[in-house]
């Protein structure tokens, strides 16, 4: 079995392509098969999110390119940036995994969320698309800038950044209903 255990930033030769949905690209341990039927194991550092066009190599130097599978998603657009921001707020408030792109949001299909978004004035269109959601402010994985589309022969170079926001050691949550103390 081919074991892929290292991310690389470039290669001269692609051994194979592996098409995976988002839910499998967030697993640090995965056993699957290439299109050829060859079994492959992916062993990455915990918290790693594999993105479209990422390259993984084996100890013997074979490099496999990750391709994001097309999945059933909603593309969310609004008539103004303010309304799109409101939709993003409400999706975030519900901890919904969301792709943020230039002028639109993308989420997995969910009829309850669709109804909520349409109630906020959004246009929600069903589509099969590659899903590349934000990794989260406190993620230790790699940040992805939404909205990029890459051809399969284009080599995407990812750069690890660590957390996207400071991680507080202790954090008091302030609510509007908290009593004011003097």
C-alpha atoms as a PDB file:
ATOM      1  CA  UNK A   1       0.000   0.000   0.000  1.00  0.00           C
ATOM      2  CA  UNK A   2       1.232   3.482  -0.894  1.00  0.00           C
ATOM      3  CA  UNK A   3       1.673   5.629   2.230  1.00  0.00           C
ATOM      4  CA  UNK A   4       1.522   9.399   1.748  1.00  0.00           C
ATOM      5  CA  UNK A   5       3.001  11.160   4.752  1.00  0.00           C
ATOM      6  CA  UNK A   6       4.599  14.430   3.654  1.00  0.00           C
ATOM      7  CA  UNK A   7       3.260  17.582   2.023  1.00  0.00           C
ATOM      8  CA  UNK A   8       5.489  19.001  -0.687  1.00  0.00           C
ATOM      9  CA  UNK A   9       5.260  22.379  -2.372  1.00  0.00           C
ATOM     10  CA  UNK A  10       6.237  21.286  -5.886  1.00  0.00           C
ATOM     11  CA  UNK A  11       7.156  18.290  -7.974  1.00  0.00           C
ATOM     12  CA  UNK A  12       8.452  17.480 -11.422  1.00  0.00           C
ATOM     13  CA  UNK A  13       6.151  14.480 -11.775  1.00  0.00           C
ATOM     14  CA  UNK A  14       2.670  13.580 -10.516  1.00  0.00           C
ATOM     15  CA  UNK A  15       2.298   9.842  -9.855  1.00  0.00           C
ATOM     16  CA  UNK A  16      -1.507   9.994  -9.482  1.00  0.00           C
ATOM     17  CA  UNK A  17      -4.473  12.173  -8.577  1.00  0.00           C
ATOM     18  CA  UNK A  18      -6.729  11.541  -5.600  1.00  0.00           C
ATOM     19  CA  UNK A  19     -10.216  13.078  -5.665  1.00  0.00           C
ATOM     20  CA  UNK A  20     -11.643  13.560  -2.167  1.00  0.00           C
ATOM     21  CA  UNK A  21     -14.647  15.374  -0.670  1.00  0.00           C
ATOM     22  CA  UNK A  22     -13.999  17.933   2.053  1.00  0.00           C
ATOM     23  CA  UNK A  23     -15.080  15.622   4.891  1.00  0.00           C
ATOM     24  CA  UNK A  24     -12.244  13.212   3.978  1.00  0.00           C
ATOM     25  CA  UNK A  25      -9.685  15.986   3.381  1.00  0.00           C
ATOM     26  CA  UNK A  26      -9.875  16.962   7.068  1.00  0.00           C
ATOM     27  CA  UNK A  27      -8.856  13.483   8.305  1.00  0.00           C
ATOM     28  CA  UNK A  28      -5.233  13.145   9.386  1.00  0.00           C
ATOM     29  CA  UNK A  29      -5.508   9.359   8.997  1.00  0.00           C
ATOM     30  CA  UNK A  30      -7.267   7.992   5.934  1.00  0.00           C
ATOM     31  CA  UNK A  31      -7.262   4.770   3.974  1.00  0.00           C
ATOM     32  CA  UNK A  32      -8.691   4.981   0.457  1.00  0.00           C
ATOM     33  CA  UNK A  33      -7.899   4.037  -3.141  1.00  0.00           C
ATOM     34  CA  UNK A  34      -6.651   5.887  -6.180  1.00  0.00           C
ATOM     35  CA  UNK A  35      -8.728   5.780  -9.388  1.00  0.00           C
ATOM     36  CA  UNK A  36      -6.444   2.951 -10.531  1.00  0.00           C
ATOM     37  CA  UNK A  37      -7.613   0.891  -7.537  1.00  0.00           C
ATOM     38  CA  UNK A  38      -4.245   1.086  -5.763  1.00  0.00           C
ATOM     39  CA  UNK A  39      -4.736   1.365  -2.011  1.00  0.00           C
ATOM     40  CA  UNK A  40      -3.330   4.455  -0.374  1.00  0.00           C
ATOM     41  CA  UNK A  41      -2.993   5.603   3.217  1.00  0.00           C
ATOM     42  CA  UNK A  42      -2.717   9.263   4.150  1.00  0.00           C
ATOM     43  CA  UNK A  43      -0.944  10.032   7.402  1.00  0.00           C
ATOM     44  CA  UNK A  44      -0.611  13.762   8.072  1.00  0.00           C
ATOM     45  CA  UNK A  45      -0.083  15.962  11.086  1.00  0.00           C
ATOM     46  CA  UNK A  46      -3.249  16.324  13.198  1.00  0.00           C
ATOM     47  CA  UNK A  47      -5.228  19.394  12.115  1.00  0.00           C
ATOM     48  CA  UNK A  48      -4.004  19.286   8.519  1.00  0.00           C
ATOM     49  CA  UNK A  49      -6.656  20.136   5.955  1.00  0.00           C
ATOM     50  CA  UNK A  50      -5.874  18.974   2.451  1.00  0.00           C
ATOM     51  CA  UNK A  51      -6.760  21.565  -0.174  1.00  0.00           C
ATOM     52  CA  UNK A  52      -7.324  21.357  -3.905  1.00  0.00           C
ATOM     53  CA  UNK A  53      -3.977  20.831  -5.687  1.00  0.00           C
ATOM     54  CA  UNK A  54      -2.043  19.981  -2.497  1.00  0.00           C
ATOM     55  CA  UNK A  55       0.775  17.521  -3.105  1.00  0.00           C
ATOM     56  CA  UNK A  56       1.541  14.544  -0.856  1.00  0.00           C
ATOM     57  CA  UNK A  57       4.578  12.337  -1.215  1.00  0.00           C
ATOM     58  CA  UNK A  58       5.517   8.874  -0.082  1.00  0.00           C
ATOM     59  CA  UNK A  59       8.871   7.769   1.337  1.00  0.00           C
ATOM     60  CA  UNK A  60       9.836   6.428  -2.100  1.00  0.00           C
ATOM     61  CA  UNK A  61       9.194   9.833  -3.754  1.00  0.00           C
ATOM     62  CA  UNK A  62       5.844   9.191  -5.453  1.00  0.00           C
ATOM     63  CA  UNK A  63       3.739  12.359  -5.419  1.00  0.00           C
ATOM     64  CA  UNK A  64      -0.051  12.377  -5.447  1.00  0.00           C
ATOM     65  CA  UNK A  65      -2.035  15.527  -6.164  1.00  0.00           C
ATOM     66  CA  UNK A  66      -5.202  16.084  -4.134  1.00  0.00           C
ATOM     67  CA  UNK A  67      -8.244  17.209  -6.115  1.00  0.00           C
ATOM     68  CA  UNK A  68     -11.333  18.526  -4.335  1.00  0.00           C
ATOM     69  CA  UNK A  69     -14.384  16.482  -5.313  1.00  0.00           C
ATOM     70  CA  UNK A  70     -17.455  18.248  -6.615  1.00  0.00           C
ATOM     71  CA  UNK A  71     -20.099  18.129  -3.888  1.00  0.00           C
ATOM     72  CA  UNK A  72     -23.730  19.237  -3.479  1.00  0.00           C
ATOM     73  CA  UNK A  73     -23.458  22.829  -2.262  1.00  0.00           C
ATOM     74  CA  UNK A  74     -25.348  26.102  -2.153  1.00  0.00           C
ATOM     75  CA  UNK A  75     -23.866  29.225  -3.695  1.00  0.00           C
ATOM     76  CA  UNK A  76     -25.114  32.231  -1.713  1.00  0.00           C
ATOM     77  CA  UNK A  77     -25.182  35.707  -3.216  1.00  0.00           C
ATOM     78  CA  UNK A  78     -26.811  38.943  -2.127  1.00  0.00           C
ATOM     79  CA  UNK A  79     -27.683  42.298  -3.661  1.00  0.00           C
ATOM     80  CA  UNK A  80     -25.170  44.065  -1.390  1.00  0.00           C
ATOM     81  CA  UNK A  81     -21.960  43.357   0.520  1.00  0.00           C
ATOM     82  CA  UNK A  82     -23.798  44.265   3.736  1.00  0.00           C
ATOM     83  CA  UNK A  83     -26.450  41.576   3.182  1.00  0.00           C
ATOM     84  CA  UNK A  84     -23.803  38.982   2.295  1.00  0.00           C
ATOM     85  CA  UNK A  85     -21.973  39.880   5.508  1.00  0.00           C
ATOM     86  CA  UNK A  86     -25.223  39.388   7.456  1.00  0.00           C
ATOM     87  CA  UNK A  87     -25.563  35.915   5.906  1.00  0.00           C
ATOM     88  CA  UNK A  88     -21.947  35.104   6.825  1.00  0.00           C
ATOM     89  CA  UNK A  89     -22.623  36.254  10.392  1.00  0.00           C
ATOM     90  CA  UNK A  90     -25.685  34.024  10.747  1.00  0.00           C
ATOM     91  CA  UNK A  91     -23.862  31.019   9.241  1.00  0.00           C
ATOM     92  CA  UNK A  92     -20.952  31.585  11.616  1.00  0.00           C
ATOM     93  CA  UNK A  93     -23.330  31.937  14.535  1.00  0.00           C
ATOM     94  CA  UNK A  94     -24.540  28.423  13.668  1.00  0.00           C
ATOM     95  CA  UNK A  95     -20.957  27.113  13.304  1.00  0.00           C
ATOM     96  CA  UNK A  96     -21.621  26.281   9.659  1.00  0.00           C
ATOM     97  CA  UNK A  97     -18.558  25.287   7.652  1.00  0.00           C
ATOM     98  CA  UNK A  98     -18.451  28.012   4.986  1.00  0.00           C
ATOM     99  CA  UNK A  99     -16.367  28.844   1.945  1.00  0.00           C
ATOM    100  CA  UNK A 100     -15.820  32.593   1.653  1.00  0.00           C
ATOM    101  CA  UNK A 101     -15.191  33.771  -1.884  1.00  0.00           C
ATOM    102  CA  UNK A 102     -15.201  37.047  -3.774  1.00  0.00           C
ATOM    103  CA  UNK A 103     -18.877  38.015  -3.880  1.00  0.00           C
ATOM    104  CA  UNK A 104     -20.404  34.776  -2.626  1.00  0.00           C
ATOM    105  CA  UNK A 105     -20.457  32.164   0.123  1.00  0.00           C
ATOM    106  CA  UNK A 106     -20.680  28.401  -0.338  1.00  0.00           C
ATOM    107  CA  UNK A 107     -22.034  25.823   2.126  1.00  0.00           C
ATOM    108  CA  UNK A 108     -23.169  22.216   2.043  1.00  0.00           C
ATOM    109  CA  UNK A 109     -26.808  21.869   1.057  1.00  0.00           C
ATOM    110  CA  UNK A 110     -29.151  22.132   4.044  1.00  0.00           C
ATOM    111  CA  UNK A 111     -32.825  23.042   3.585  1.00  0.00           C
ATOM    112  CA  UNK A 112     -33.126  24.754   6.986  1.00  0.00           C
ATOM    113  CA  UNK A 113     -30.125  27.005   6.270  1.00  0.00           C
ATOM    114  CA  UNK A 114     -31.437  27.692   2.756  1.00  0.00           C
ATOM    115  CA  UNK A 115     -34.738  28.918   4.210  1.00  0.00           C
ATOM    116  CA  UNK A 116     -32.927  31.117   6.730  1.00  0.00           C
ATOM    117  CA  UNK A 117     -30.660  32.630   4.054  1.00  0.00           C
ATOM    118  CA  UNK A 118     -33.556  33.316   1.694  1.00  0.00           C
ATOM    119  CA  UNK A 119     -35.323  34.981   4.643  1.00  0.00           C
ATOM    120  CA  UNK A 120     -32.287  37.272   4.908  1.00  0.00           C
ATOM    121  CA  UNK A 121     -32.730  38.220   1.230  1.00  0.00           C
ATOM    122  CA  UNK A 122     -30.039  35.952  -0.230  1.00  0.00           C
ATOM    123  CA  UNK A 123     -30.203  34.136  -3.539  1.00  0.00           C
ATOM    124  CA  UNK A 124     -29.370  30.488  -2.875  1.00  0.00           C
ATOM    125  CA  UNK A 125     -28.489  28.301  -5.866  1.00  0.00           C
ATOM    126  CA  UNK A 126     -27.868  24.551  -5.750  1.00  0.00           C
ATOM    127  CA  UNK A 127     -24.693  23.517  -7.519  1.00  0.00           C
ATOM    128  CA  UNK A 128     -22.136  20.738  -7.631  1.00  0.00           C
ATOM    129  CA  UNK A 129     -18.823  22.419  -6.847  1.00  0.00           C
ATOM    130  CA  UNK A 130     -15.464  21.959  -5.192  1.00  0.00           C
ATOM    131  CA  UNK A 131     -15.891  22.892  -1.533  1.00  0.00           C
ATOM    132  CA  UNK A 132     -12.979  24.784   0.054  1.00  0.00           C
ATOM    133  CA  UNK A 133     -14.255  26.254   3.339  1.00  0.00           C
ATOM    134  CA  UNK A 134     -12.335  28.532   5.663  1.00  0.00           C
ATOM    135  CA  UNK A 135     -10.246  26.628   8.174  1.00  0.00           C
ATOM    136  CA  UNK A 136     -11.267  28.812  11.128  1.00  0.00           C
ATOM    137  CA  UNK A 137      -9.661  31.561  13.164  1.00  0.00           C
ATOM    138  CA  UNK A 138      -8.126  29.210  15.714  1.00  0.00           C
ATOM    139  CA  UNK A 139      -7.139  26.500  13.280  1.00  0.00           C
ATOM    140  CA  UNK A 140      -3.588  25.221  13.280  1.00  0.00           C
ATOM    141  CA  UNK A 141      -4.041  24.019   9.718  1.00  0.00           C
ATOM    142  CA  UNK A 142      -3.256  26.038   6.645  1.00  0.00           C
ATOM    143  CA  UNK A 143      -5.294  29.057   5.632  1.00  0.00           C
ATOM    144  CA  UNK A 144      -6.902  29.033   2.236  1.00  0.00           C
ATOM    145  CA  UNK A 145      -7.928  32.135   0.393  1.00  0.00           C
ATOM    146  CA  UNK A 146     -11.404  31.339  -0.949  1.00  0.00           C
ATOM    147  CA  UNK A 147     -12.512  31.726  -4.501  1.00  0.00           C
ATOM    148  CA  UNK A 148      -9.425  30.285  -6.186  1.00  0.00           C
ATOM    149  CA  UNK A 149      -9.922  27.791  -8.949  1.00  0.00           C
ATOM    150  CA  UNK A 150      -6.950  25.907 -10.292  1.00  0.00           C
ATOM    151  CA  UNK A 151      -6.483  23.716 -13.329  1.00  0.00           C
ATOM    152  CA  UNK A 152      -5.264  20.226 -12.528  1.00  0.00           C
ATOM    153  CA  UNK A 153      -1.871  20.891 -14.102  1.00  0.00           C
ATOM    154  CA  UNK A 154      -1.312  24.064 -12.076  1.00  0.00           C
ATOM    155  CA  UNK A 155       0.868  23.634  -9.002  1.00  0.00           C
ATOM    156  CA  UNK A 156      -0.616  25.396  -5.989  1.00  0.00           C
ATOM    157  CA  UNK A 157       1.885  26.435  -3.349  1.00  0.00           C
ATOM    158  CA  UNK A 158       0.481  26.542   0.169  1.00  0.00           C
ATOM    159  CA  UNK A 159       2.148  28.390   2.989  1.00  0.00           C
ATOM    160  CA  UNK A 160       1.507  27.440   6.619  1.00  0.00           C
ATOM    161  CA  UNK A 161       0.611  30.420   8.786  1.00  0.00           C
ATOM    162  CA  UNK A 162      -0.450  28.951  12.127  1.00  0.00           C
ATOM    163  CA  UNK A 163      -3.478  30.464  13.857  1.00  0.00           C
ATOM    164  CA  UNK A 164      -5.261  33.245  11.990  1.00  0.00           C
ATOM    165  CA  UNK A 165      -6.110  35.033  15.243  1.00  0.00           C
ATOM    166  CA  UNK A 166      -4.491  35.132  18.669  1.00  0.00           C
ATOM    167  CA  UNK A 167      -5.586  32.294  20.907  1.00  0.00           C
ATOM    168  CA  UNK A 168      -6.468  33.744  24.323  1.00  0.00           C
ATOM    169  CA  UNK A 169      -5.319  31.794  27.381  1.00  0.00           C
ATOM    170  CA  UNK A 170      -8.451  32.902  29.233  1.00  0.00           C
ATOM    171  CA  UNK A 171     -11.369  34.641  27.692  1.00  0.00           C
ATOM    172  CA  UNK A 172     -14.429  36.073  29.403  1.00  0.00           C
ATOM    173  CA  UNK A 173     -17.464  36.072  27.183  1.00  0.00           C
ATOM    174  CA  UNK A 174     -19.293  39.367  27.526  1.00  0.00           C
ATOM    175  CA  UNK A 175     -23.010  39.363  26.914  1.00  0.00           C
ATOM    176  CA  UNK A 176     -25.343  42.339  26.687  1.00  0.00           C
ATOM    177  CA  UNK A 177     -27.373  40.826  29.521  1.00  0.00           C
ATOM    178  CA  UNK A 178     -24.420  40.775  31.962  1.00  0.00           C
ATOM    179  CA  UNK A 179     -24.972  43.048  34.981  1.00  0.00           C
ATOM    180  CA  UNK A 180     -22.765  46.110  35.043  1.00  0.00           C
ATOM    181  CA  UNK A 181     -20.506  46.132  38.105  1.00  0.00           C
ATOM    182  CA  UNK A 182     -19.134  49.313  39.623  1.00  0.00           C
END
